[in-house]
Amino acid sequence: MANPILAAILSFFIPGLGQIYGGQGITKGIIFFVIAIVLGALTGVIIFAGIASLLFAIYAAYDAYKFLS
């Protein structure tokens, strides 16, 4: 059985990893990871993307935790 706290931590640092660990599916995990990569790449160009990237990491952690709790 997956630990929701571990899933949240994994997903905060690598969005999508907590979703895969928690059993939400590899497809959802890959989508979350790709979104995080795109936002990270845009951070150097658009300041708002850095804020959006942080907010997305927090959302990904919440999503992973909520699915398992």
PDB file of N, CA and C in Angstrom:
ATOM      1  N   MET A   1       0.834  -1.181   0.000  1.00  0.00           N
ATOM      2  CA  MET A   1       0.000   0.000   0.000  1.00  0.00           C
ATOM      3  C   MET A   1       0.884   1.251   0.000  1.00  0.00           C
ATOM      4  N   ALA A   2       0.536   2.177  -0.856  1.00  0.00           N
ATOM      5  CA  ALA A   2       1.342   3.382  -1.020  1.00  0.00           C
ATOM      6  C   ALA A   2       1.084   4.367   0.117  1.00  0.00           C
ATOM      7  N   ASN A   3       2.121   5.063   0.505  1.00  0.00           N
ATOM      8  CA  ASN A   3       2.060   6.055   1.568  1.00  0.00           C
ATOM      9  C   ASN A   3       1.721   7.420   0.954  1.00  0.00           C
ATOM     10  N   PRO A   4       0.608   8.065   1.372  1.00  0.00           N
ATOM     11  CA  PRO A   4       0.231   9.351   0.767  1.00  0.00           C
ATOM     12  C   PRO A   4       1.242  10.467   1.007  1.00  0.00           C
ATOM     13  N   ILE A   5       1.910  10.456   2.147  1.00  0.00           N
ATOM     14  CA  ILE A   5       2.904  11.499   2.421  1.00  0.00           C
ATOM     15  C   ILE A   5       4.110  11.333   1.502  1.00  0.00           C
ATOM     16  N   LEU A   6       4.557  10.105   1.313  1.00  0.00           N
ATOM     17  CA  LEU A   6       5.671   9.851   0.405  1.00  0.00           C
ATOM     18  C   LEU A   6       5.293  10.227  -1.031  1.00  0.00           C
ATOM     19  N   ALA A   7       4.071   9.915  -1.426  1.00  0.00           N
ATOM     20  CA  ALA A   7       3.601  10.275  -2.770  1.00  0.00           C
ATOM     21  C   ALA A   7       3.626  11.791  -2.964  1.00  0.00           C
ATOM     22  N   ALA A   8       3.199  12.531  -1.936  1.00  0.00           N
ATOM     23  CA  ALA A   8       3.196  13.993  -2.029  1.00  0.00           C
ATOM     24  C   ALA A   8       4.617  14.539  -2.130  1.00  0.00           C
ATOM     25  N   ILE A   9       5.523  13.989  -1.335  1.00  0.00           N
ATOM     26  CA  ILE A   9       6.921  14.445  -1.377  1.00  0.00           C
ATOM     27  C   ILE A   9       7.540  14.155  -2.739  1.00  0.00           C
ATOM     28  N   LEU A  10       7.329  12.941  -3.239  1.00  0.00           N
ATOM     29  CA  LEU A  10       7.866  12.579  -4.557  1.00  0.00           C
ATOM     30  C   LEU A  10       7.330  13.514  -5.637  1.00  0.00           C
ATOM     31  N   SER A  11       6.028  13.776  -5.575  1.00  0.00           N
ATOM     32  CA  SER A  11       5.408  14.592  -6.612  1.00  0.00           C
ATOM     33  C   SER A  11       5.776  16.062  -6.491  1.00  0.00           C
ATOM     34  N   PHE A  12       6.121  16.526  -5.295  1.00  0.00           N
ATOM     35  CA  PHE A  12       6.539  17.919  -5.156  1.00  0.00           C
ATOM     36  C   PHE A  12       7.893  18.137  -5.822  1.00  0.00           C
ATOM     37  N   PHE A  13       8.816  17.209  -5.611  1.00  0.00           N
ATOM     38  CA  PHE A  13      10.154  17.374  -6.179  1.00  0.00           C
ATOM     39  C   PHE A  13      10.231  16.966  -7.638  1.00  0.00           C
ATOM     40  N   ILE A  14       9.488  15.941  -8.029  1.00  0.00           N
ATOM     41  CA  ILE A  14       9.419  15.524  -9.429  1.00  0.00           C
ATOM     42  C   ILE A  14       7.944  15.299  -9.754  1.00  0.00           C
ATOM     43  N   PRO A  15       7.253  16.359 -10.216  1.00  0.00           N
ATOM     44  CA  PRO A  15       5.828  16.215 -10.501  1.00  0.00           C
ATOM     45  C   PRO A  15       5.568  15.037 -11.447  1.00  0.00           C
ATOM     46  N   GLY A  16       4.594  14.234 -11.055  1.00  0.00           N
ATOM     47  CA  GLY A  16       4.249  13.044 -11.823  1.00  0.00           C
ATOM     48  C   GLY A  16       4.740  11.768 -11.174  1.00  0.00           C
ATOM     49  N   LEU A  17       5.853  11.845 -10.465  1.00  0.00           N
ATOM     50  CA  LEU A  17       6.398  10.650  -9.820  1.00  0.00           C
ATOM     51  C   LEU A  17       5.474  10.153  -8.708  1.00  0.00           C
ATOM     52  N   GLY A  18       4.898  11.068  -7.950  1.00  0.00           N
ATOM     53  CA  GLY A  18       3.959  10.681  -6.899  1.00  0.00           C
ATOM     54  C   GLY A  18       2.683  10.070  -7.462  1.00  0.00           C
ATOM     55  N   GLN A  19       2.253  10.550  -8.629  1.00  0.00           N
ATOM     56  CA  GLN A  19       1.070   9.982  -9.266  1.00  0.00           C
ATOM     57  C   GLN A  19       1.348   8.545  -9.720  1.00  0.00           C
ATOM     58  N   ILE A  20       2.527   8.325 -10.274  1.00  0.00           N
ATOM     59  CA  ILE A  20       2.890   6.972 -10.709  1.00  0.00           C
ATOM     60  C   ILE A  20       3.037   6.064  -9.492  1.00  0.00           C
ATOM     61  N   TYR A  21       3.712   6.543  -8.462  1.00  0.00           N
ATOM     62  CA  TYR A  21       3.902   5.759  -7.239  1.00  0.00           C
ATOM     63  C   TYR A  21       2.560   5.415  -6.592  1.00  0.00           C
ATOM     64  N   GLY A  22       1.633   6.363  -6.608  1.00  0.00           N
ATOM     65  CA  GLY A  22       0.342   6.171  -5.966  1.00  0.00           C
ATOM     66  C   GLY A  22      -0.658   5.367  -6.762  1.00  0.00           C
ATOM     67  N   GLY A  23      -0.322   5.007  -7.982  1.00  0.00           N
ATOM     68  CA  GLY A  23      -1.203   4.169  -8.789  1.00  0.00           C
ATOM     69  C   GLY A  23      -2.226   4.933  -9.612  1.00  0.00           C
ATOM     70  N   GLN A  24      -1.989   6.191  -9.872  1.00  0.00           N
ATOM     71  CA  GLN A  24      -2.919   6.963 -10.693  1.00  0.00           C
ATOM     72  C   GLN A  24      -2.693   6.734 -12.178  1.00  0.00           C
ATOM     73  N   GLY A  25      -1.624   6.097 -12.518  1.00  0.00           N
ATOM     74  CA  GLY A  25      -1.358   5.788 -13.912  1.00  0.00           C
ATOM     75  C   GLY A  25      -0.102   6.458 -14.431  1.00  0.00           C
ATOM     76  N   ILE A  26       0.561   5.735 -15.309  1.00  0.00           N
ATOM     77  CA  ILE A  26       1.793   6.246 -15.899  1.00  0.00           C
ATOM     78  C   ILE A  26       1.491   7.429 -16.820  1.00  0.00           C
ATOM     79  N   THR A  27       0.367   7.373 -17.516  1.00  0.00           N
ATOM     80  CA  THR A  27       0.014   8.458 -18.433  1.00  0.00           C
ATOM     81  C   THR A  27      -0.150   9.777 -17.688  1.00  0.00           C
ATOM     82  N   LYS A  28      -0.866   9.758 -16.567  1.00  0.00           N
ATOM     83  CA  LYS A  28      -1.051  10.980 -15.787  1.00  0.00           C
ATOM     84  C   LYS A  28       0.288  11.466 -15.250  1.00  0.00           C
ATOM     85  N   GLY A  29       1.129  10.553 -14.809  1.00  0.00           N
ATOM     86  CA  GLY A  29       2.445  10.932 -14.317  1.00  0.00           C
ATOM     87  C   GLY A  29       3.295  11.590 -15.387  1.00  0.00           C
ATOM     88  N   ILE A  30       3.260  11.039 -16.580  1.00  0.00           N
ATOM     89  CA  ILE A  30       4.036  11.609 -17.688  1.00  0.00           C
ATOM     90  C   ILE A  30       3.499  12.989 -18.062  1.00  0.00           C
ATOM     91  N   ILE A  31       2.174  13.144 -18.071  1.00  0.00           N
ATOM     92  CA  ILE A  31       1.579  14.444 -18.394  1.00  0.00           C
ATOM     93  C   ILE A  31       2.002  15.493 -17.368  1.00  0.00           C
ATOM     94  N   PHE A  32       1.951  15.136 -16.078  1.00  0.00           N
ATOM     95  CA  PHE A  32       2.382  16.061 -15.038  1.00  0.00           C
ATOM     96  C   PHE A  32       3.859  16.412 -15.205  1.00  0.00           C
ATOM     97  N   PHE A  33       4.683  15.427 -15.522  1.00  0.00           N
ATOM     98  CA  PHE A  33       6.105  15.666 -15.694  1.00  0.00           C
ATOM     99  C   PHE A  33       6.382  16.582 -16.876  1.00  0.00           C
ATOM    100  N   VAL A  34       5.694  16.370 -17.980  1.00  0.00           N
ATOM    101  CA  VAL A  34       5.879  17.205 -19.171  1.00  0.00           C
ATOM    102  C   VAL A  34       5.460  18.649 -18.881  1.00  0.00           C
ATOM    103  N   ILE A  35       4.344  18.827 -18.175  1.00  0.00           N
ATOM    104  CA  ILE A  35       3.914  20.177 -17.811  1.00  0.00           C
ATOM    105  C   ILE A  35       4.979  20.857 -16.960  1.00  0.00           C
ATOM    106  N   ALA A  36       5.546  20.122 -16.010  1.00  0.00           N
ATOM    107  CA  ALA A  36       6.589  20.684 -15.146  1.00  0.00           C
ATOM    108  C   ALA A  36       7.828  21.065 -15.952  1.00  0.00           C
ATOM    109  N   ILE A  37       8.204  20.248 -16.925  1.00  0.00           N
ATOM    110  CA  ILE A  37       9.367  20.542 -17.769  1.00  0.00           C
ATOM    111  C   ILE A  37       9.120  21.806 -18.594  1.00  0.00           C
ATOM    112  N   VAL A  38       7.935  21.921 -19.173  1.00  0.00           N
ATOM    113  CA  VAL A  38       7.616  23.093 -19.993  1.00  0.00           C
ATOM    114  C   VAL A  38       7.622  24.354 -19.134  1.00  0.00           C
ATOM    115  N   LEU A  39       6.990  24.299 -17.960  1.00  0.00           N
ATOM    116  CA  LEU A  39       6.993  25.467 -17.074  1.00  0.00           C
ATOM    117  C   LEU A  39       8.408  25.804 -16.613  1.00  0.00           C
ATOM    118  N   GLY A  40       9.206  24.798 -16.336  1.00  0.00           N
ATOM    119  CA  GLY A  40      10.593  25.039 -15.938  1.00  0.00           C
ATOM    120  C   GLY A  40      11.401  25.684 -17.050  1.00  0.00           C
ATOM    121  N   ALA A  41      11.167  25.251 -18.277  1.00  0.00           N
ATOM    122  CA  ALA A  41      11.890  25.827 -19.410  1.00  0.00           C
ATOM    123  C   ALA A  41      11.488  27.281 -19.645  1.00  0.00           C
ATOM    124  N   LEU A  42      10.232  27.584 -19.383  1.00  0.00           N
ATOM    125  CA  LEU A  42       9.753  28.955 -19.587  1.00  0.00           C
ATOM    126  C   LEU A  42      10.155  29.902 -18.462  1.00  0.00           C
ATOM    127  N   THR A  43      10.617  29.358 -17.356  1.00  0.00           N
ATOM    128  CA  THR A  43      10.967  30.182 -16.206  1.00  0.00           C
ATOM    129  C   THR A  43      12.039  31.213 -16.538  1.00  0.00           C
ATOM    130  N   GLY A  44      12.992  30.864 -17.374  1.00  0.00           N
ATOM    131  CA  GLY A  44      14.038  31.805 -17.747  1.00  0.00           C
ATOM    132  C   GLY A  44      13.555  32.925 -18.636  1.00  0.00           C
ATOM    133  N   VAL A  45      12.421  32.725 -19.291  1.00  0.00           N
ATOM    134  CA  VAL A  45      11.909  33.701 -20.243  1.00  0.00           C
ATOM    135  C   VAL A  45      10.798  34.553 -19.638  1.00  0.00           C
ATOM    136  N   ILE A  46       9.907  33.900 -18.918  1.00  0.00           N
ATOM    137  CA  ILE A  46       8.731  34.581 -18.368  1.00  0.00           C
ATOM    138  C   ILE A  46       8.742  34.413 -16.851  1.00  0.00           C
ATOM    139  N   ILE A  47       8.737  35.499 -16.120  1.00  0.00           N
ATOM    140  CA  ILE A  47       8.792  35.432 -14.657  1.00  0.00           C
ATOM    141  C   ILE A  47       7.578  34.701 -14.092  1.00  0.00           C
ATOM    142  N   PHE A  48       6.421  34.911 -14.679  1.00  0.00           N
ATOM    143  CA  PHE A  48       5.206  34.264 -14.210  1.00  0.00           C
ATOM    144  C   PHE A  48       5.316  32.742 -14.277  1.00  0.00           C
ATOM    145  N   ALA A  49       6.089  32.227 -15.215  1.00  0.00           N
ATOM    146  CA  ALA A  49       6.229  30.780 -15.357  1.00  0.00           C
ATOM    147  C   ALA A  49       6.904  30.169 -14.129  1.00  0.00           C
ATOM    148  N   GLY A  50       7.789  30.893 -13.489  1.00  0.00           N
ATOM    149  CA  GLY A  50       8.419  30.395 -12.265  1.00  0.00           C
ATOM    150  C   GLY A  50       7.417  30.236 -11.145  1.00  0.00           C
ATOM    151  N   ILE A  51       6.529  31.209 -11.024  1.00  0.00           N
ATOM    152  CA  ILE A  51       5.470  31.133 -10.021  1.00  0.00           C
ATOM    153  C   ILE A  51       4.509  30.003 -10.372  1.00  0.00           C
ATOM    154  N   ALA A  52       4.160  29.906 -11.649  1.00  0.00           N
ATOM    155  CA  ALA A  52       3.264  28.847 -12.094  1.00  0.00           C
ATOM    156  C   ALA A  52       3.899  27.471 -11.877  1.00  0.00           C
ATOM    157  N   SER A  53       5.199  27.374 -12.073  1.00  0.00           N
ATOM    158  CA  SER A  53       5.901  26.114 -11.858  1.00  0.00           C
ATOM    159  C   SER A  53       5.837  25.689 -10.396  1.00  0.00           C
ATOM    160  N   LEU A  54       6.038  26.620  -9.494  1.00  0.00           N
ATOM    161  CA  LEU A  54       5.939  26.324  -8.065  1.00  0.00           C
ATOM    162  C   LEU A  54       4.515  25.937  -7.684  1.00  0.00           C
ATOM    163  N   LEU A  55       3.542  26.677  -8.175  1.00  0.00           N
ATOM    164  CA  LEU A  55       2.146  26.354  -7.883  1.00  0.00           C
ATOM    165  C   LEU A  55       1.765  24.988  -8.444  1.00  0.00           C
ATOM    166  N   PHE A  56       2.280  24.651  -9.610  1.00  0.00           N
ATOM    167  CA  PHE A  56       1.981  23.345 -10.190  1.00  0.00           C
ATOM    168  C   PHE A  56       2.606  22.224  -9.358  1.00  0.00           C
ATOM    169  N   ALA A  57       3.815  22.430  -8.849  1.00  0.00           N
ATOM    170  CA  ALA A  57       4.454  21.414  -8.000  1.00  0.00           C
ATOM    171  C   ALA A  57       3.647  21.205  -6.721  1.00  0.00           C
ATOM    172  N   ILE A  58       3.137  22.289  -6.164  1.00  0.00           N
ATOM    173  CA  ILE A  58       2.291  22.169  -4.967  1.00  0.00           C
ATOM    174  C   ILE A  58       1.000  21.430  -5.302  1.00  0.00           C
ATOM    175  N   TYR A  59       0.394  21.754  -6.448  1.00  0.00           N
ATOM    176  CA  TYR A  59      -0.824  21.053  -6.862  1.00  0.00           C
ATOM    177  C   TYR A  59      -0.562  19.564  -7.094  1.00  0.00           C
ATOM    178  N   ALA A  60       0.546  19.249  -7.731  1.00  0.00           N
ATOM    179  CA  ALA A  60       0.877  17.847  -8.000  1.00  0.00           C
ATOM    180  C   ALA A  60       1.044  17.075  -6.696  1.00  0.00           C
ATOM    181  N   ALA A  61       1.676  17.700  -5.712  1.00  0.00           N
ATOM    182  CA  ALA A  61       1.836  17.060  -4.399  1.00  0.00           C
ATOM    183  C   ALA A  61       0.478  16.855  -3.746  1.00  0.00           C
ATOM    184  N   TYR A  62      -0.378  17.862  -3.814  1.00  0.00           N
ATOM    185  CA  TYR A  62      -1.725  17.748  -3.248  1.00  0.00           C
ATOM    186  C   TYR A  62      -2.519  16.642  -3.944  1.00  0.00           C
ATOM    187  N   ASP A  63      -2.443  16.602  -5.259  1.00  0.00           N
ATOM    188  CA  ASP A  63      -3.168  15.593  -6.033  1.00  0.00           C
ATOM    189  C   ASP A  63      -2.719  14.182  -5.663  1.00  0.00           C
ATOM    190  N   ALA A  64      -1.428  13.984  -5.522  1.00  0.00           N
ATOM    191  CA  ALA A  64      -0.903  12.666  -5.157  1.00  0.00           C
ATOM    192  C   ALA A  64      -1.345  12.279  -3.757  1.00  0.00           C
ATOM    193  N   TYR A  65      -1.310  13.232  -2.822  1.00  0.00           N
ATOM    194  CA  TYR A  65      -1.707  12.969  -1.436  1.00  0.00           C
ATOM    195  C   TYR A  65      -3.211  12.672  -1.355  1.00  0.00           C
ATOM    196  N   LYS A  66      -4.005  13.495  -2.003  1.00  0.00           N
ATOM    197  CA  LYS A  66      -5.464  13.371  -1.917  1.00  0.00           C
ATOM    198  C   LYS A  66      -5.944  12.047  -2.506  1.00  0.00           C
ATOM    199  N   PHE A  67      -5.311  11.571  -3.553  1.00  0.00           N
ATOM    200  CA  PHE A  67      -5.715  10.309  -4.186  1.00  0.00           C
ATOM    201  C   PHE A  67      -5.541   9.139  -3.229  1.00  0.00           C
ATOM    202  N   LEU A  68      -4.526   9.180  -2.407  1.00  0.00           N
ATOM    203  CA  LEU A  68      -4.226   8.063  -1.505  1.00  0.00           C
ATOM    204  C   LEU A  68      -4.851   8.199  -0.122  1.00  0.00           C
ATOM    205  N   SER A  69      -5.358   9.364   0.210  1.00  0.00           N
ATOM    206  CA  SER A  69      -5.925   9.510   1.559  1.00  0.00           C
ATOM    207  C   SER A  69      -7.434   9.446   1.553  1.00  0.00           C
TER     208      SER A  69
END
